N, C-alpha and C. Protein backbone atom coordinates (compact mmCIF):
# COMPACT_ATOMS: atom_id res chain seq x y z
N MET A 1 126.78 129.98 -143.83
CA MET A 1 127.55 130.98 -143.11
C MET A 1 126.60 131.94 -142.38
N ASP A 2 126.87 132.19 -141.12
CA ASP A 2 126.03 133.07 -140.32
C ASP A 2 126.18 134.52 -140.77
N HIS A 3 125.05 135.21 -140.83
CA HIS A 3 125.06 136.63 -141.12
C HIS A 3 124.71 137.39 -139.85
N LEU A 4 125.47 138.45 -139.60
CA LEU A 4 125.24 139.29 -138.43
C LEU A 4 124.38 140.48 -138.83
N ILE A 5 123.84 141.15 -137.85
CA ILE A 5 122.94 142.27 -138.07
C ILE A 5 123.73 143.57 -138.01
N CYS A 6 123.82 144.26 -139.14
CA CYS A 6 124.48 145.57 -139.18
C CYS A 6 123.45 146.62 -138.73
N VAL A 7 123.94 147.58 -137.94
CA VAL A 7 123.06 148.59 -137.35
C VAL A 7 123.67 149.97 -137.50
N ASP A 8 122.82 151.00 -137.26
CA ASP A 8 123.34 152.36 -137.18
C ASP A 8 123.67 152.65 -135.71
N ILE A 9 124.08 153.87 -135.42
CA ILE A 9 124.52 154.17 -134.04
C ILE A 9 123.37 154.20 -133.03
N LEU A 10 122.13 154.08 -133.50
CA LEU A 10 120.98 153.98 -132.61
C LEU A 10 120.44 152.55 -132.57
N ASP A 11 121.22 151.60 -133.07
CA ASP A 11 120.89 150.17 -133.06
C ASP A 11 119.70 149.83 -133.97
N ARG A 12 119.50 150.62 -135.01
CA ARG A 12 118.46 150.30 -136.00
C ARG A 12 119.09 149.46 -137.10
N GLU A 13 118.42 148.37 -137.47
CA GLU A 13 118.96 147.47 -138.48
C GLU A 13 119.07 148.18 -139.82
N ILE A 14 120.24 148.03 -140.47
CA ILE A 14 120.46 148.64 -141.78
C ILE A 14 120.95 147.62 -142.80
N GLY A 15 121.09 146.36 -142.38
CA GLY A 15 121.54 145.34 -143.31
C GLY A 15 122.13 144.16 -142.57
N GLU A 16 122.84 143.34 -143.31
CA GLU A 16 123.52 142.20 -142.70
C GLU A 16 124.81 141.93 -143.45
N ALA A 17 125.72 141.23 -142.79
CA ALA A 17 127.00 140.86 -143.38
C ALA A 17 127.53 139.65 -142.63
N THR A 18 128.48 138.97 -143.22
CA THR A 18 129.09 137.85 -142.51
C THR A 18 129.93 138.38 -141.35
N LYS A 19 130.21 137.52 -140.41
CA LYS A 19 131.06 137.88 -139.27
C LYS A 19 132.41 138.38 -139.76
N GLU A 20 132.96 137.69 -140.75
CA GLU A 20 134.27 138.08 -141.29
C GLU A 20 134.20 139.47 -141.92
N GLU A 21 133.15 139.75 -142.69
CA GLU A 21 133.01 141.08 -143.31
C GLU A 21 132.91 142.16 -142.24
N CYS A 22 132.09 141.91 -141.23
CA CYS A 22 131.93 142.90 -140.15
C CYS A 22 133.26 143.22 -139.50
N HIS A 23 134.05 142.20 -139.21
CA HIS A 23 135.29 142.42 -138.48
C HIS A 23 136.45 142.85 -139.38
N GLN A 24 136.43 142.51 -140.65
CA GLN A 24 137.50 142.94 -141.55
C GLN A 24 137.28 144.35 -142.08
N LYS A 25 136.01 144.74 -142.24
CA LYS A 25 135.68 146.06 -142.79
C LYS A 25 135.30 147.08 -141.72
N GLY A 26 135.20 146.65 -140.48
CA GLY A 26 134.82 147.57 -139.41
C GLY A 26 133.39 148.04 -139.52
N LEU A 27 132.46 147.12 -139.85
CA LEU A 27 131.05 147.47 -139.95
C LEU A 27 130.39 147.40 -138.57
N LEU A 28 129.62 148.42 -138.23
CA LEU A 28 128.93 148.43 -136.94
C LEU A 28 127.86 147.34 -136.96
N HIS A 29 127.91 146.46 -135.96
CA HIS A 29 126.98 145.33 -135.90
C HIS A 29 126.55 145.09 -134.46
N ARG A 30 125.43 144.39 -134.32
CA ARG A 30 124.83 144.12 -133.01
C ARG A 30 125.59 142.98 -132.33
N ALA A 31 125.83 143.14 -131.04
CA ALA A 31 126.54 142.13 -130.25
C ALA A 31 125.95 142.13 -128.85
N PHE A 32 126.41 141.17 -128.04
CA PHE A 32 125.99 141.14 -126.64
C PHE A 32 127.09 140.58 -125.77
N SER A 33 127.07 141.01 -124.52
CA SER A 33 127.99 140.53 -123.50
C SER A 33 127.15 140.09 -122.30
N VAL A 34 127.35 138.82 -121.87
CA VAL A 34 126.59 138.27 -120.76
C VAL A 34 127.48 138.20 -119.52
N PHE A 35 126.96 138.68 -118.42
CA PHE A 35 127.62 138.60 -117.13
C PHE A 35 126.80 137.72 -116.22
N LEU A 36 127.45 136.74 -115.60
CA LEU A 36 126.78 135.89 -114.62
C LEU A 36 127.35 136.22 -113.24
N TYR A 37 126.47 136.31 -112.25
CA TYR A 37 126.92 136.61 -110.90
C TYR A 37 126.29 135.64 -109.91
N HIS A 38 126.95 135.53 -108.75
CA HIS A 38 126.44 134.70 -107.66
C HIS A 38 127.18 135.13 -106.39
N GLU A 39 126.41 135.45 -105.36
CA GLU A 39 126.95 135.80 -104.04
C GLU A 39 128.10 136.80 -104.12
N GLY A 40 127.88 137.90 -104.83
CA GLY A 40 128.86 138.97 -104.88
C GLY A 40 130.06 138.71 -105.79
N LYS A 41 129.99 137.67 -106.59
CA LYS A 41 131.09 137.34 -107.50
C LYS A 41 130.59 137.33 -108.94
N LEU A 42 131.48 137.69 -109.85
CA LEU A 42 131.20 137.61 -111.28
C LEU A 42 132.00 136.47 -111.89
N LEU A 43 131.39 135.77 -112.85
CA LEU A 43 132.09 134.71 -113.56
C LEU A 43 132.87 135.32 -114.71
N LEU A 44 134.16 135.04 -114.74
CA LEU A 44 135.01 135.49 -115.83
C LEU A 44 135.50 134.28 -116.62
N GLN A 45 135.64 134.47 -117.92
CA GLN A 45 136.25 133.45 -118.74
C GLN A 45 137.52 134.02 -119.35
N ARG A 46 138.49 133.14 -119.51
CA ARG A 46 139.71 133.50 -120.23
C ARG A 46 139.57 132.90 -121.62
N ARG A 47 139.59 133.77 -122.62
CA ARG A 47 139.35 133.33 -124.00
C ARG A 47 140.43 132.36 -124.46
N ALA A 48 140.02 131.36 -125.22
CA ALA A 48 140.95 130.38 -125.76
C ALA A 48 142.01 131.10 -126.61
N LEU A 49 143.22 130.62 -126.55
CA LEU A 49 144.32 131.23 -127.29
C LEU A 49 144.09 131.23 -128.79
N GLU A 50 143.32 130.27 -129.28
CA GLU A 50 143.09 130.13 -130.71
C GLU A 50 142.04 131.10 -131.26
N LYS A 51 141.39 131.87 -130.41
CA LYS A 51 140.39 132.83 -130.88
C LYS A 51 141.07 133.82 -131.84
N TYR A 52 140.33 134.32 -132.82
CA TYR A 52 140.94 135.16 -133.85
C TYR A 52 141.36 136.54 -133.34
N HIS A 53 140.90 136.94 -132.19
CA HIS A 53 141.43 138.11 -131.50
C HIS A 53 141.18 137.97 -130.00
N SER A 54 141.97 138.65 -129.23
CA SER A 54 141.84 138.71 -127.77
C SER A 54 142.00 137.36 -127.08
N GLY A 55 142.69 136.41 -127.73
CA GLY A 55 142.96 135.12 -127.12
C GLY A 55 143.80 135.28 -125.86
N GLY A 56 143.45 134.54 -124.81
CA GLY A 56 144.19 134.58 -123.56
C GLY A 56 143.79 135.70 -122.63
N LEU A 57 142.90 136.59 -123.07
CA LEU A 57 142.46 137.69 -122.20
C LEU A 57 141.22 137.29 -121.41
N TRP A 58 141.07 137.90 -120.25
CA TRP A 58 139.90 137.67 -119.40
C TRP A 58 138.75 138.55 -119.86
N THR A 59 137.55 138.02 -119.74
CA THR A 59 136.37 138.76 -120.16
C THR A 59 135.15 138.23 -119.41
N ASN A 60 133.99 138.73 -119.78
CA ASN A 60 132.74 138.31 -119.16
C ASN A 60 132.40 136.86 -119.52
N ALA A 61 131.37 136.33 -118.88
CA ALA A 61 131.02 134.91 -119.00
C ALA A 61 130.85 134.46 -120.44
N CYS A 62 130.24 135.29 -121.27
CA CYS A 62 129.92 134.91 -122.64
C CYS A 62 129.70 136.17 -123.47
N CYS A 63 130.11 136.15 -124.72
CA CYS A 63 129.80 137.25 -125.63
C CYS A 63 129.72 136.71 -127.05
N SER A 64 128.90 137.36 -127.85
CA SER A 64 128.74 136.90 -129.23
C SER A 64 127.86 137.90 -129.97
N HIS A 65 127.22 137.41 -131.04
CA HIS A 65 126.37 138.23 -131.90
C HIS A 65 125.07 137.49 -132.19
N PRO A 66 123.95 138.20 -132.21
CA PRO A 66 122.74 137.55 -132.72
C PRO A 66 122.89 137.37 -134.22
N ARG A 67 122.34 136.28 -134.72
CA ARG A 67 122.33 136.05 -136.16
C ARG A 67 121.18 136.82 -136.78
N SER A 68 121.26 136.98 -138.08
CA SER A 68 120.16 137.59 -138.80
C SER A 68 118.86 136.84 -138.48
N GLN A 69 117.79 137.57 -138.20
CA GLN A 69 116.47 137.02 -137.87
C GLN A 69 116.41 136.38 -136.47
N GLU A 70 117.38 136.64 -135.62
CA GLU A 70 117.40 136.09 -134.27
C GLU A 70 117.33 137.25 -133.28
N THR A 71 116.51 137.12 -132.24
CA THR A 71 116.45 138.16 -131.22
C THR A 71 117.69 138.08 -130.32
N LEU A 72 117.94 139.16 -129.61
CA LEU A 72 119.03 139.15 -128.63
C LEU A 72 118.82 138.07 -127.59
N GLU A 73 117.60 137.94 -127.10
CA GLU A 73 117.32 136.95 -126.06
C GLU A 73 117.57 135.52 -126.55
N GLU A 74 117.17 135.24 -127.78
CA GLU A 74 117.43 133.92 -128.36
C GLU A 74 118.92 133.67 -128.50
N ALA A 75 119.65 134.69 -128.93
CA ALA A 75 121.10 134.56 -129.12
C ALA A 75 121.82 134.37 -127.79
N VAL A 76 121.40 135.11 -126.76
CA VAL A 76 122.01 134.96 -125.43
C VAL A 76 121.81 133.53 -124.94
N GLU A 77 120.61 133.02 -125.05
CA GLU A 77 120.31 131.66 -124.61
C GLU A 77 121.16 130.64 -125.38
N ARG A 78 121.24 130.81 -126.70
CA ARG A 78 121.99 129.88 -127.56
C ARG A 78 123.48 129.87 -127.20
N ARG A 79 124.07 131.07 -127.08
CA ARG A 79 125.52 131.13 -126.86
C ARG A 79 125.91 130.74 -125.43
N LEU A 80 125.09 131.07 -124.44
CA LEU A 80 125.39 130.62 -123.07
C LEU A 80 125.48 129.11 -123.02
N TYR A 81 124.55 128.45 -123.72
CA TYR A 81 124.57 127.00 -123.72
C TYR A 81 125.74 126.45 -124.53
N GLN A 82 126.01 127.04 -125.70
CA GLN A 82 127.11 126.55 -126.54
C GLN A 82 128.47 126.75 -125.89
N GLU A 83 128.70 127.92 -125.30
CA GLU A 83 130.01 128.23 -124.73
C GLU A 83 130.23 127.63 -123.36
N LEU A 84 129.17 127.61 -122.53
CA LEU A 84 129.35 127.24 -121.12
C LEU A 84 128.47 126.08 -120.66
N GLY A 85 127.57 125.61 -121.50
CA GLY A 85 126.64 124.56 -121.08
C GLY A 85 125.67 125.06 -120.03
N VAL A 86 125.36 126.34 -120.05
CA VAL A 86 124.54 126.99 -119.03
C VAL A 86 123.18 127.38 -119.60
N ALA A 87 122.12 127.11 -118.85
CA ALA A 87 120.79 127.63 -119.14
C ALA A 87 120.43 128.56 -117.99
N CYS A 88 120.22 129.83 -118.30
CA CYS A 88 120.06 130.84 -117.26
C CYS A 88 119.22 131.99 -117.79
N SER A 89 118.31 132.46 -116.98
CA SER A 89 117.53 133.64 -117.33
C SER A 89 118.40 134.89 -117.16
N CYS A 90 118.38 135.75 -118.18
CA CYS A 90 119.18 136.98 -118.14
C CYS A 90 118.31 138.17 -118.50
N GLU A 91 118.67 139.32 -117.96
CA GLU A 91 117.98 140.57 -118.26
C GLU A 91 118.95 141.57 -118.84
N GLU A 92 118.47 142.38 -119.79
CA GLU A 92 119.34 143.41 -120.37
C GLU A 92 119.56 144.51 -119.34
N ALA A 93 120.81 144.97 -119.24
CA ALA A 93 121.17 145.96 -118.23
C ALA A 93 121.73 147.25 -118.83
N GLY A 94 121.78 147.34 -120.14
CA GLY A 94 122.31 148.53 -120.78
C GLY A 94 122.98 148.18 -122.09
N SER A 95 123.55 149.19 -122.72
CA SER A 95 124.24 148.97 -123.99
C SER A 95 125.24 150.09 -124.22
N PHE A 96 126.16 149.87 -125.13
CA PHE A 96 127.16 150.87 -125.49
C PHE A 96 127.72 150.52 -126.86
N VAL A 97 128.34 151.50 -127.50
CA VAL A 97 129.01 151.29 -128.78
C VAL A 97 130.51 151.42 -128.54
N TYR A 98 131.28 150.52 -129.13
CA TYR A 98 132.73 150.67 -129.05
C TYR A 98 133.37 150.29 -130.38
N TYR A 99 134.55 150.86 -130.59
CA TYR A 99 135.32 150.62 -131.81
C TYR A 99 136.76 150.35 -131.39
N HIS A 100 137.34 149.30 -131.95
CA HIS A 100 138.74 148.99 -131.66
C HIS A 100 139.38 148.37 -132.89
N LYS A 101 140.55 148.88 -133.24
CA LYS A 101 141.32 148.33 -134.36
C LYS A 101 142.41 147.44 -133.78
N PHE A 102 142.31 146.13 -134.04
CA PHE A 102 143.32 145.19 -133.55
C PHE A 102 144.56 145.22 -134.43
N HIS A 103 144.36 145.25 -135.73
CA HIS A 103 145.45 145.40 -136.70
C HIS A 103 144.84 145.83 -138.03
N GLN A 104 145.60 145.83 -139.09
CA GLN A 104 145.18 146.40 -140.37
C GLN A 104 143.81 145.93 -140.86
N ASN A 105 143.51 144.66 -140.73
CA ASN A 105 142.25 144.12 -141.25
C ASN A 105 141.41 143.43 -140.18
N MET A 106 141.45 143.93 -138.95
CA MET A 106 140.66 143.32 -137.88
C MET A 106 140.15 144.41 -136.95
N PHE A 107 138.84 144.61 -137.00
CA PHE A 107 138.19 145.64 -136.21
C PHE A 107 137.05 145.04 -135.39
N GLU A 108 136.79 145.64 -134.25
CA GLU A 108 135.56 145.43 -133.52
C GLU A 108 134.84 146.77 -133.52
N TYR A 109 133.67 146.80 -134.11
CA TYR A 109 132.81 147.98 -134.08
C TYR A 109 131.43 147.44 -133.77
N GLU A 110 131.06 147.51 -132.50
CA GLU A 110 129.87 146.82 -132.04
C GLU A 110 128.93 147.70 -131.24
N TYR A 111 127.67 147.45 -131.44
CA TYR A 111 126.63 147.97 -130.56
C TYR A 111 126.35 146.83 -129.59
N ASP A 112 126.95 146.92 -128.41
CA ASP A 112 126.99 145.80 -127.47
C ASP A 112 125.91 145.95 -126.39
N HIS A 113 125.03 144.96 -126.33
CA HIS A 113 123.98 144.90 -125.32
C HIS A 113 124.48 144.07 -124.14
N ILE A 114 124.36 144.60 -122.95
CA ILE A 114 124.83 143.92 -121.74
C ILE A 114 123.67 143.17 -121.09
N PHE A 115 123.89 141.89 -120.81
CA PHE A 115 122.90 141.07 -120.12
C PHE A 115 123.50 140.56 -118.81
N ILE A 116 122.66 140.48 -117.78
CA ILE A 116 123.09 139.99 -116.47
C ILE A 116 122.16 138.85 -116.04
N GLY A 117 122.76 137.79 -115.51
CA GLY A 117 121.99 136.68 -114.98
C GLY A 117 122.60 136.16 -113.70
N GLN A 118 121.75 135.66 -112.81
CA GLN A 118 122.22 135.05 -111.57
C GLN A 118 122.31 133.54 -111.81
N TYR A 119 123.49 132.96 -111.50
CA TYR A 119 123.68 131.54 -111.80
C TYR A 119 124.64 130.92 -110.79
N SER A 120 124.35 129.68 -110.39
CA SER A 120 125.23 129.00 -109.43
C SER A 120 125.40 127.52 -109.75
N GLY A 121 124.97 127.07 -110.93
CA GLY A 121 125.02 125.64 -111.24
C GLY A 121 126.30 125.20 -111.91
N GLU A 122 126.20 124.04 -112.54
CA GLU A 122 127.34 123.46 -113.26
C GLU A 122 127.69 124.29 -114.49
N ILE A 123 128.97 124.27 -114.83
CA ILE A 123 129.46 124.95 -116.03
C ILE A 123 130.32 123.97 -116.80
N SER A 124 130.06 123.85 -118.10
CA SER A 124 130.82 122.94 -118.97
C SER A 124 131.35 123.74 -120.15
N PRO A 125 132.49 124.42 -119.98
CA PRO A 125 132.99 125.30 -121.05
C PRO A 125 133.45 124.54 -122.30
N ASP A 126 133.20 125.14 -123.45
CA ASP A 126 133.70 124.64 -124.72
C ASP A 126 135.18 125.02 -124.82
N PRO A 127 136.10 124.05 -124.89
CA PRO A 127 137.53 124.37 -124.91
C PRO A 127 137.96 125.16 -126.15
N ASN A 128 137.16 125.16 -127.21
CA ASN A 128 137.46 125.98 -128.38
C ASN A 128 137.19 127.46 -128.12
N GLU A 129 136.40 127.75 -127.10
CA GLU A 129 136.03 129.12 -126.76
C GLU A 129 136.73 129.61 -125.49
N VAL A 130 136.86 128.72 -124.51
CA VAL A 130 137.26 129.10 -123.15
C VAL A 130 138.45 128.28 -122.69
N MET A 131 139.51 128.95 -122.22
CA MET A 131 140.65 128.21 -121.68
C MET A 131 140.64 128.14 -120.16
N ASP A 132 139.88 129.04 -119.51
CA ASP A 132 139.82 129.02 -118.06
C ASP A 132 138.59 129.80 -117.60
N LEU A 133 138.13 129.49 -116.41
CA LEU A 133 137.01 130.19 -115.78
C LEU A 133 137.36 130.48 -114.33
N LYS A 134 136.81 131.57 -113.81
CA LYS A 134 136.94 131.83 -112.38
C LYS A 134 135.83 132.77 -111.93
N TRP A 135 135.42 132.56 -110.67
CA TRP A 135 134.49 133.48 -110.02
C TRP A 135 135.35 134.49 -109.29
N MET A 136 135.05 135.77 -109.44
CA MET A 136 135.88 136.80 -108.84
C MET A 136 135.03 137.79 -108.07
N GLU A 137 135.45 138.07 -106.84
CA GLU A 137 134.79 139.09 -106.02
C GLU A 137 134.82 140.42 -106.77
N ILE A 138 133.73 141.17 -106.70
CA ILE A 138 133.64 142.43 -107.44
C ILE A 138 134.73 143.40 -107.02
N ALA A 139 135.03 143.51 -105.74
CA ALA A 139 136.08 144.43 -105.28
C ALA A 139 137.44 144.03 -105.85
N ASP A 140 137.74 142.74 -105.87
CA ASP A 140 139.02 142.26 -106.42
C ASP A 140 139.08 142.51 -107.92
N LEU A 141 137.98 142.28 -108.61
CA LEU A 141 137.93 142.53 -110.05
C LEU A 141 138.13 144.01 -110.35
N SER A 142 137.47 144.86 -109.61
CA SER A 142 137.60 146.30 -109.81
C SER A 142 139.05 146.74 -109.65
N GLU A 143 139.71 146.24 -108.63
CA GLU A 143 141.12 146.58 -108.40
C GLU A 143 142.00 146.04 -109.52
N SER A 144 141.76 144.81 -109.94
CA SER A 144 142.55 144.20 -111.02
C SER A 144 142.39 144.96 -112.32
N MET A 145 141.17 145.39 -112.63
CA MET A 145 140.94 146.15 -113.86
C MET A 145 141.67 147.49 -113.82
N LEU A 146 141.71 148.09 -112.65
CA LEU A 146 142.39 149.37 -112.49
C LEU A 146 143.90 149.22 -112.65
N GLN A 147 144.46 148.17 -112.04
CA GLN A 147 145.91 147.96 -112.04
C GLN A 147 146.43 147.24 -113.29
N ASN A 148 145.60 146.40 -113.91
CA ASN A 148 146.07 145.55 -115.02
C ASN A 148 145.07 145.51 -116.18
N PRO A 149 144.74 146.65 -116.77
CA PRO A 149 143.73 146.65 -117.83
C PRO A 149 144.11 145.80 -119.04
N GLU A 150 145.39 145.58 -119.25
CA GLU A 150 145.85 144.80 -120.41
C GLU A 150 145.47 143.32 -120.31
N ARG A 151 145.04 142.87 -119.14
CA ARG A 151 144.62 141.46 -118.96
C ARG A 151 143.19 141.19 -119.44
N TYR A 152 142.46 142.26 -119.80
CA TYR A 152 141.04 142.15 -120.10
C TYR A 152 140.74 142.57 -121.54
N THR A 153 139.64 142.03 -122.07
CA THR A 153 139.22 142.42 -123.42
C THR A 153 138.78 143.87 -123.43
N VAL A 154 138.87 144.48 -124.59
CA VAL A 154 138.55 145.90 -124.73
C VAL A 154 137.08 146.18 -124.37
N TRP A 155 136.14 145.32 -124.75
CA TRP A 155 134.73 145.56 -124.43
C TRP A 155 134.45 145.36 -122.95
N PHE A 156 135.16 144.44 -122.32
CA PHE A 156 134.96 144.17 -120.90
C PHE A 156 135.28 145.40 -120.06
N LEU A 157 136.30 146.16 -120.45
CA LEU A 157 136.69 147.35 -119.70
C LEU A 157 135.59 148.41 -119.69
N THR A 158 134.72 148.39 -120.68
CA THR A 158 133.58 149.30 -120.71
C THR A 158 132.35 148.67 -120.05
N ALA A 159 132.09 147.41 -120.36
CA ALA A 159 130.87 146.74 -119.87
C ALA A 159 130.91 146.45 -118.37
N ALA A 160 132.04 145.98 -117.87
CA ALA A 160 132.11 145.57 -116.46
C ALA A 160 131.74 146.68 -115.48
N PRO A 161 132.23 147.92 -115.65
CA PRO A 161 131.81 148.96 -114.71
C PRO A 161 130.31 149.22 -114.72
N ILE A 162 129.66 149.08 -115.87
CA ILE A 162 128.21 149.25 -115.95
C ILE A 162 127.53 148.17 -115.11
N VAL A 163 128.00 146.94 -115.25
CA VAL A 163 127.43 145.81 -114.50
C VAL A 163 127.70 145.97 -113.01
N ILE A 164 128.92 146.31 -112.66
CA ILE A 164 129.27 146.48 -111.25
C ILE A 164 128.41 147.56 -110.60
N GLU A 165 128.21 148.65 -111.30
CA GLU A 165 127.38 149.74 -110.76
C GLU A 165 125.94 149.24 -110.55
N LYS A 166 125.40 148.50 -111.51
CA LYS A 166 124.04 147.94 -111.36
C LYS A 166 123.96 147.01 -110.15
N LEU A 167 124.92 146.12 -110.02
CA LEU A 167 124.89 145.16 -108.92
C LEU A 167 125.14 145.83 -107.58
N LYS A 168 126.05 146.76 -107.52
CA LYS A 168 126.34 147.46 -106.27
C LYS A 168 125.21 148.39 -105.87
N GLY A 169 124.45 148.87 -106.86
CA GLY A 169 123.36 149.79 -106.58
C GLY A 169 122.10 149.10 -106.11
N GLY A 170 122.19 147.80 -105.86
CA GLY A 170 121.03 147.07 -105.37
C GLY A 170 120.00 146.79 -106.44
N LYS A 171 120.42 146.93 -107.70
CA LYS A 171 119.49 146.72 -108.82
C LYS A 171 119.72 145.37 -109.45
N GLU A 172 120.05 144.39 -108.64
CA GLU A 172 120.30 143.04 -109.16
C GLU A 172 119.02 142.50 -109.80
N PRO A 173 119.13 142.01 -111.05
CA PRO A 173 117.95 141.42 -111.68
C PRO A 173 117.55 140.12 -111.00
N GLY A 174 116.32 139.74 -111.21
CA GLY A 174 115.87 138.44 -110.73
C GLY A 174 115.14 138.46 -109.46
């Protein structure tokens, strides 16, 4: 069973716990969100309906957690390939902490690191993770998030504006 890295509010490691423990007890743990862009568009995935939370909602290209003893960069590379069949260089673009209670025994309390990568190749999504993919113009995405926030995951609503600001500010990595 994979163990996740529990952290304090400054992202300092304070222990580890299983994914289930982290999400059932609301333990703050390290996570990451990967955004892929190409020619002014961001890749969005619609989470598979069978996911244990946020199924059917739109979100960034890939998100997950580094395992105990795994760096963020190693975890980003591993999950991009597992979820999307993508190998892509990514750079960290910021981080934030968020807390969300889905129901009585399901919480997200994450120190989320945002990664951005430029990608234009083939994508082979894992159907257990992803039910749909689309490239979306940043202006259209911004308008959709403003008008229909319920269509997006809770972390995406915080992470996407950070990414959009970086990309619009001419600070595109790569």
